[in-house]
Amino acid sequence: MTTKVKQVIQSQQVVLSSRPEGKPTSANFKISSEEITPIAEGEFLVKNQWMSVDPYMRGRMKERDSYVPP
């Protein structure tokens, strides 16, 4: 008999919490934690090892229309 153990996985997220005025600082971001829903048959979980905030992202942090939705 095989018993499956349900494992609860917490995901940490870096979220833009306020729009920066000038140079972005750590105060403009927050780290939140969220429980990931169980992985279904045929799905897989990816672990992100690096995060990059590229110059392109600075424009996306502003409150204005863009050709791509946020």
PDB file of N, CA and C in Angstrom:
ATOM      1  N   MET A   1       0.841  -1.175   0.000  1.00  0.00           N
ATOM      2  CA  MET A   1       0.000   0.000   0.000  1.00  0.00           C
ATOM      3  C   MET A   1       0.891   1.244   0.000  1.00  0.00           C
ATOM      4  N   THR A   2       0.578   2.173  -0.869  1.00  0.00           N
ATOM      5  CA  THR A   2       1.343   3.410  -0.973  1.00  0.00           C
ATOM      6  C   THR A   2       0.558   4.550  -0.353  1.00  0.00           C
ATOM      7  N   THR A   3       1.227   5.324   0.462  1.00  0.00           N
ATOM      8  CA  THR A   3       0.592   6.485   1.079  1.00  0.00           C
ATOM      9  C   THR A   3       1.240   7.742   0.520  1.00  0.00           C
ATOM     10  N   LYS A   4       0.410   8.651   0.019  1.00  0.00           N
ATOM     11  CA  LYS A   4       0.926   9.929  -0.473  1.00  0.00           C
ATOM     12  C   LYS A   4       0.873  10.943   0.661  1.00  0.00           C
ATOM     13  N   VAL A   5       1.952  11.678   0.818  1.00  0.00           N
ATOM     14  CA  VAL A   5       2.021  12.718   1.831  1.00  0.00           C
ATOM     15  C   VAL A   5       1.832  14.059   1.131  1.00  0.00           C
ATOM     16  N   LYS A   6       0.857  14.824   1.596  1.00  0.00           N
ATOM     17  CA  LYS A   6       0.619  16.148   1.027  1.00  0.00           C
ATOM     18  C   LYS A   6       1.600  17.121   1.659  1.00  0.00           C
ATOM     19  N   GLN A   7       2.439  17.713   0.829  1.00  0.00           N
ATOM     20  CA  GLN A   7       3.440  18.654   1.310  1.00  0.00           C
ATOM     21  C   GLN A   7       2.971  20.077   1.028  1.00  0.00           C
ATOM     22  N   VAL A   8       2.988  20.905   2.050  1.00  0.00           N
ATOM     23  CA  VAL A   8       2.627  22.310   1.892  1.00  0.00           C
ATOM     24  C   VAL A   8       3.893  23.068   1.501  1.00  0.00           C
ATOM     25  N   ILE A   9       3.809  23.803   0.400  1.00  0.00           N
ATOM     26  CA  ILE A   9       4.958  24.559  -0.085  1.00  0.00           C
ATOM     27  C   ILE A   9       4.641  26.044  -0.006  1.00  0.00           C
ATOM     28  N   GLN A  10       5.540  26.800   0.613  1.00  0.00           N
ATOM     29  CA  GLN A  10       5.389  28.248   0.707  1.00  0.00           C
ATOM     30  C   GLN A  10       6.246  28.907  -0.376  1.00  0.00           C
ATOM     31  N   SER A  11       5.674  29.854  -1.065  1.00  0.00           N
ATOM     32  CA  SER A  11       6.368  30.610  -2.100  1.00  0.00           C
ATOM     33  C   SER A  11       6.642  32.012  -1.579  1.00  0.00           C
ATOM     34  N   GLN A  12       7.875  32.467  -1.709  1.00  0.00           N
ATOM     35  CA  GLN A  12       8.190  33.849  -1.349  1.00  0.00           C
ATOM     36  C   GLN A  12       8.150  34.695  -2.612  1.00  0.00           C
ATOM     37  N   GLN A  13       7.538  35.866  -2.507  1.00  0.00           N
ATOM     38  CA  GLN A  13       7.378  36.755  -3.646  1.00  0.00           C
ATOM     39  C   GLN A  13       7.912  38.136  -3.297  1.00  0.00           C
ATOM     40  N   VAL A  14       8.596  38.751  -4.246  1.00  0.00           N
ATOM     41  CA  VAL A  14       9.017  40.145  -4.103  1.00  0.00           C
ATOM     42  C   VAL A  14       7.990  40.971  -4.866  1.00  0.00           C
ATOM     43  N   VAL A  15       7.302  41.875  -4.156  1.00  0.00           N
ATOM     44  CA  VAL A  15       6.178  42.624  -4.715  1.00  0.00           C
ATOM     45  C   VAL A  15       6.478  44.124  -4.654  1.00  0.00           C
ATOM     46  N   LEU A  16       6.142  44.827  -5.730  1.00  0.00           N
ATOM     47  CA  LEU A  16       6.254  46.285  -5.731  1.00  0.00           C
ATOM     48  C   LEU A  16       5.129  46.824  -4.854  1.00  0.00           C
ATOM     49  N   SER A  17       5.458  47.422  -3.721  1.00  0.00           N
ATOM     50  CA  SER A  17       4.436  47.876  -2.775  1.00  0.00           C
ATOM     51  C   SER A  17       4.111  49.356  -2.910  1.00  0.00           C
ATOM     52  N   SER A  18       5.020  50.122  -3.499  1.00  0.00           N
ATOM     53  CA  SER A  18       4.753  51.542  -3.748  1.00  0.00           C
ATOM     54  C   SER A  18       5.563  51.983  -4.961  1.00  0.00           C
ATOM     55  N   ARG A  19       5.034  52.956  -5.664  1.00  0.00           N
ATOM     56  CA  ARG A  19       5.725  53.463  -6.852  1.00  0.00           C
ATOM     57  C   ARG A  19       6.863  54.378  -6.404  1.00  0.00           C
ATOM     58  N   PRO A  20       8.082  54.107  -6.864  1.00  0.00           N
ATOM     59  CA  PRO A  20       9.216  54.930  -6.445  1.00  0.00           C
ATOM     60  C   PRO A  20       9.158  56.342  -7.025  1.00  0.00           C
ATOM     61  N   GLU A  21       9.607  57.274  -6.239  1.00  0.00           N
ATOM     62  CA  GLU A  21       9.821  58.639  -6.715  1.00  0.00           C
ATOM     63  C   GLU A  21      11.330  58.813  -6.717  1.00  0.00           C
ATOM     64  N   GLY A  22      11.909  58.833  -7.899  1.00  0.00           N
ATOM     65  CA  GLY A  22      13.365  58.834  -7.997  1.00  0.00           C
ATOM     66  C   GLY A  22      13.871  57.404  -8.022  1.00  0.00           C
ATOM     67  N   LYS A  23      15.026  57.191  -7.428  1.00  0.00           N
ATOM     68  CA  LYS A  23      15.664  55.874  -7.429  1.00  0.00           C
ATOM     69  C   LYS A  23      14.884  54.887  -6.548  1.00  0.00           C
ATOM     70  N   PRO A  24      14.555  53.679  -7.077  1.00  0.00           N
ATOM     71  CA  PRO A  24      13.861  52.683  -6.249  1.00  0.00           C
ATOM     72  C   PRO A  24      14.739  52.245  -5.069  1.00  0.00           C
ATOM     73  N   THR A  25      14.106  52.021  -3.933  1.00  0.00           N
ATOM     74  CA  THR A  25      14.808  51.526  -2.749  1.00  0.00           C
ATOM     75  C   THR A  25      14.071  50.302  -2.223  1.00  0.00           C
ATOM     76  N   SER A  26      14.636  49.662  -1.234  1.00  0.00           N
ATOM     77  CA  SER A  26      13.992  48.485  -0.646  1.00  0.00           C
ATOM     78  C   SER A  26      12.639  48.836  -0.026  1.00  0.00           C
ATOM     79  N   ALA A  27      12.435  50.103   0.331  1.00  0.00           N
ATOM     80  CA  ALA A  27      11.153  50.528   0.906  1.00  0.00           C
ATOM     81  C   ALA A  27      10.009  50.429  -0.103  1.00  0.00           C
ATOM     82  N   ASN A  28      10.325  50.372  -1.395  1.00  0.00           N
ATOM     83  CA  ASN A  28       9.300  50.266  -2.432  1.00  0.00           C
ATOM     84  C   ASN A  28       8.857  48.826  -2.684  1.00  0.00           C
ATOM     85  N   PHE A  29       9.470  47.886  -2.011  1.00  0.00           N
ATOM     86  CA  PHE A  29       9.165  46.471  -2.220  1.00  0.00           C
ATOM     87  C   PHE A  29       8.812  45.808  -0.897  1.00  0.00           C
ATOM     88  N   LYS A  30       8.091  44.704  -0.991  1.00  0.00           N
ATOM     89  CA  LYS A  30       7.841  43.891   0.199  1.00  0.00           C
ATOM     90  C   LYS A  30       7.988  42.428  -0.195  1.00  0.00           C
ATOM     91  N   ILE A  31       8.307  41.618   0.778  1.00  0.00           N
ATOM     92  CA  ILE A  31       8.390  40.181   0.555  1.00  0.00           C
ATOM     93  C   ILE A  31       7.168  39.563   1.203  1.00  0.00           C
ATOM     94  N   SER A  32       6.423  38.816   0.409  1.00  0.00           N
ATOM     95  CA  SER A  32       5.243  38.149   0.946  1.00  0.00           C
ATOM     96  C   SER A  32       5.392  36.645   0.738  1.00  0.00           C
ATOM     97  N   SER A  33       4.636  35.907   1.490  1.00  0.00           N
ATOM     98  CA  SER A  33       4.672  34.455   1.426  1.00  0.00           C
ATOM     99  C   SER A  33       3.279  33.950   1.106  1.00  0.00           C
ATOM    100  N   GLU A  34       3.199  32.968   0.232  1.00  0.00           N
ATOM    101  CA  GLU A  34       1.906  32.434  -0.171  1.00  0.00           C
ATOM    102  C   GLU A  34       2.014  30.922  -0.336  1.00  0.00           C
ATOM    103  N   GLU A  35       0.990  30.213   0.101  1.00  0.00           N
ATOM    104  CA  GLU A  35       0.974  28.765  -0.051  1.00  0.00           C
ATOM    105  C   GLU A  35       0.669  28.408  -1.503  1.00  0.00           C
ATOM    106  N   ILE A  36       1.462  27.516  -2.065  1.00  0.00           N
ATOM    107  CA  ILE A  36       1.257  27.071  -3.442  1.00  0.00           C
ATOM    108  C   ILE A  36       0.213  25.957  -3.443  1.00  0.00           C
ATOM    109  N   THR A  37      -0.701  26.025  -4.406  1.00  0.00           N
ATOM    110  CA  THR A  37      -1.711  24.971  -4.522  1.00  0.00           C
ATOM    111  C   THR A  37      -1.029  23.658  -4.900  1.00  0.00           C
ATOM    112  N   PRO A  38      -1.626  22.534  -4.532  1.00  0.00           N
ATOM    113  CA  PRO A  38      -1.007  21.239  -4.852  1.00  0.00           C
ATOM    114  C   PRO A  38      -0.731  21.097  -6.354  1.00  0.00           C
ATOM    115  N   ILE A  39       0.390  20.486  -6.674  1.00  0.00           N
ATOM    116  CA  ILE A  39       0.784  20.261  -8.060  1.00  0.00           C
ATOM    117  C   ILE A  39      -0.071  19.121  -8.623  1.00  0.00           C
ATOM    118  N   ALA A  40      -0.714  19.377  -9.745  1.00  0.00           N
ATOM    119  CA  ALA A  40      -1.586  18.378 -10.371  1.00  0.00           C
ATOM    120  C   ALA A  40      -0.772  17.472 -11.294  1.00  0.00           C
ATOM    121  N   GLU A  41      -1.369  16.371 -11.672  1.00  0.00           N
ATOM    122  CA  GLU A  41      -0.756  15.440 -12.615  1.00  0.00           C
ATOM    123  C   GLU A  41      -0.383  16.197 -13.889  1.00  0.00           C
ATOM    124  N   GLY A  42       0.846  16.029 -14.358  1.00  0.00           N
ATOM    125  CA  GLY A  42       1.299  16.693 -15.573  1.00  0.00           C
ATOM    126  C   GLY A  42       1.866  18.088 -15.341  1.00  0.00           C
ATOM    127  N   GLU A  43       1.795  18.604 -14.117  1.00  0.00           N
ATOM    128  CA  GLU A  43       2.361  19.912 -13.791  1.00  0.00           C
ATOM    129  C   GLU A  43       3.713  19.726 -13.109  1.00  0.00           C
ATOM    130  N   PHE A  44       4.476  20.793 -13.031  1.00  0.00           N
ATOM    131  CA  PHE A  44       5.747  20.739 -12.315  1.00  0.00           C
ATOM    132  C   PHE A  44       6.007  22.082 -11.652  1.00  0.00           C
ATOM    133  N   LEU A  45       6.862  22.083 -10.663  1.00  0.00           N
ATOM    134  CA  LEU A  45       7.201  23.278  -9.903  1.00  0.00           C
ATOM    135  C   LEU A  45       8.595  23.740 -10.305  1.00  0.00           C
ATOM    136  N   VAL A  46       8.737  25.034 -10.569  1.00  0.00           N
ATOM    137  CA  VAL A  46      10.018  25.612 -10.969  1.00  0.00           C
ATOM    138  C   VAL A  46      10.532  26.484  -9.829  1.00  0.00           C
ATOM    139  N   LYS A  47      11.794  26.345  -9.497  1.00  0.00           N
ATOM    140  CA  LYS A  47      12.406  27.172  -8.460  1.00  0.00           C
ATOM    141  C   LYS A  47      13.264  28.247  -9.127  1.00  0.00           C
ATOM    142  N   ASN A  48      12.963  29.503  -8.833  1.00  0.00           N
ATOM    143  CA  ASN A  48      13.720  30.624  -9.377  1.00  0.00           C
ATOM    144  C   ASN A  48      14.968  30.831  -8.523  1.00  0.00           C
ATOM    145  N   GLN A  49      16.132  30.869  -9.151  1.00  0.00           N
ATOM    146  CA  GLN A  49      17.370  31.051  -8.402  1.00  0.00           C
ATOM    147  C   GLN A  49      17.894  32.482  -8.457  1.00  0.00           C
ATOM    148  N   TRP A  50      17.517  33.231  -9.470  1.00  0.00           N
ATOM    149  CA  TRP A  50      17.989  34.606  -9.633  1.00  0.00           C
ATOM    150  C   TRP A  50      16.840  35.517 -10.007  1.00  0.00           C
ATOM    151  N   MET A  51      16.930  36.756  -9.572  1.00  0.00           N
ATOM    152  CA  MET A  51      15.962  37.768  -9.964  1.00  0.00           C
ATOM    153  C   MET A  51      16.746  38.993 -10.411  1.00  0.00           C
ATOM    154  N   SER A  52      16.316  39.585 -11.501  1.00  0.00           N
ATOM    155  CA  SER A  52      17.003  40.757 -12.028  1.00  0.00           C
ATOM    156  C   SER A  52      16.013  41.895 -12.191  1.00  0.00           C
ATOM    157  N   VAL A  53      16.386  43.058 -11.729  1.00  0.00           N
ATOM    158  CA  VAL A  53      15.578  44.251 -11.957  1.00  0.00           C
ATOM    159  C   VAL A  53      16.352  45.076 -12.986  1.00  0.00           C
ATOM    160  N   ASP A  54      15.976  44.902 -14.245  1.00  0.00           N
ATOM    161  CA  ASP A  54      16.664  45.544 -15.358  1.00  0.00           C
ATOM    162  C   ASP A  54      16.177  46.975 -15.558  1.00  0.00           C
ATOM    163  N   PRO A  55      16.947  47.804 -16.273  1.00  0.00           N
ATOM    164  CA  PRO A  55      16.522  49.184 -16.531  1.00  0.00           C
ATOM    165  C   PRO A  55      15.120  49.275 -17.137  1.00  0.00           C
ATOM    166  N   TYR A  56      14.742  48.299 -17.952  1.00  0.00           N
ATOM    167  CA  TYR A  56      13.396  48.271 -18.537  1.00  0.00           C
ATOM    168  C   TYR A  56      12.322  48.340 -17.454  1.00  0.00           C
ATOM    169  N   MET A  57      12.569  47.704 -16.318  1.00  0.00           N
ATOM    170  CA  MET A  57      11.571  47.627 -15.250  1.00  0.00           C
ATOM    171  C   MET A  57      11.284  48.995 -14.635  1.00  0.00           C
ATOM    172  N   ARG A  58      12.224  49.921 -14.722  1.00  0.00           N
ATOM    173  CA  ARG A  58      12.010  51.250 -14.131  1.00  0.00           C
ATOM    174  C   ARG A  58      10.798  51.919 -14.760  1.00  0.00           C
ATOM    175  N   GLY A  59      10.664  51.828 -16.073  1.00  0.00           N
ATOM    176  CA  GLY A  59       9.510  52.402 -16.753  1.00  0.00           C
ATOM    177  C   GLY A  59       8.212  51.715 -16.372  1.00  0.00           C
ATOM    178  N   ARG A  60       8.266  50.424 -16.082  1.00  0.00           N
ATOM    179  CA  ARG A  60       7.077  49.663 -15.701  1.00  0.00           C
ATOM    180  C   ARG A  60       6.614  50.006 -14.288  1.00  0.00           C
ATOM    181  N   MET A  61       7.472  50.603 -13.489  1.00  0.00           N
ATOM    182  CA  MET A  61       7.111  50.964 -12.120  1.00  0.00           C
ATOM    183  C   MET A  61       6.316  52.263 -12.058  1.00  0.00           C
ATOM    184  N   LYS A  62       6.259  52.982 -13.164  1.00  0.00           N
ATOM    185  CA  LYS A  62       5.546  54.261 -13.187  1.00  0.00           C
ATOM    186  C   LYS A  62       4.063  54.045 -13.454  1.00  0.00           C
ATOM    187  N   GLU A  63       3.253  54.919 -12.933  1.00  0.00           N
ATOM    188  CA  GLU A  63       1.797  54.870 -13.105  1.00  0.00           C
ATOM    189  C   GLU A  63       1.448  55.580 -14.412  1.00  0.00           C
ATOM    190  N   ARG A  64       1.517  54.829 -15.505  1.00  0.00           N
ATOM    191  CA  ARG A  64       1.153  55.394 -16.802  1.00  0.00           C
ATOM    192  C   ARG A  64       0.785  54.266 -17.759  1.00  0.00           C
ATOM    193  N   ASP A  65       0.095  54.618 -18.825  1.00  0.00           N
ATOM    194  CA  ASP A  65      -0.295  53.629 -19.818  1.00  0.00           C
ATOM    195  C   ASP A  65       0.938  53.083 -20.527  1.00  0.00           C
ATOM    196  N   SER A  66       0.811  51.842 -20.966  1.00  0.00           N
ATOM    197  CA  SER A  66       1.898  51.187 -21.669  1.00  0.00           C
ATOM    198  C   SER A  66       1.304  50.280 -22.737  1.00  0.00           C
ATOM    199  N   TYR A  67       2.125  49.866 -23.657  1.00  0.00           N
ATOM    200  CA  TYR A  67       1.652  48.964 -24.701  1.00  0.00           C
ATOM    201  C   TYR A  67       1.460  47.536 -24.183  1.00  0.00           C
ATOM    202  N   VAL A  68       1.972  47.248 -23.009  1.00  0.00           N
ATOM    203  CA  VAL A  68       1.822  45.926 -22.402  1.00  0.00           C
ATOM    204  C   VAL A  68       1.204  46.104 -21.020  1.00  0.00           C
ATOM    205  N   PRO A  69       0.135  45.358 -20.703  1.00  0.00           N
ATOM    206  CA  PRO A  69      -0.446  45.491 -19.359  1.00  0.00           C
ATOM    207  C   PRO A  69       0.534  45.014 -18.283  1.00  0.00           C
ATOM    208  N   PRO A  70       0.486  45.616 -17.095  1.00  0.00           N
ATOM    209  CA  PRO A  70       1.406  45.208 -16.019  1.00  0.00           C
ATOM    210  C   PRO A  70       1.135  43.791 -15.540  1.00  0.00           C
TER     211      PRO A  70
END
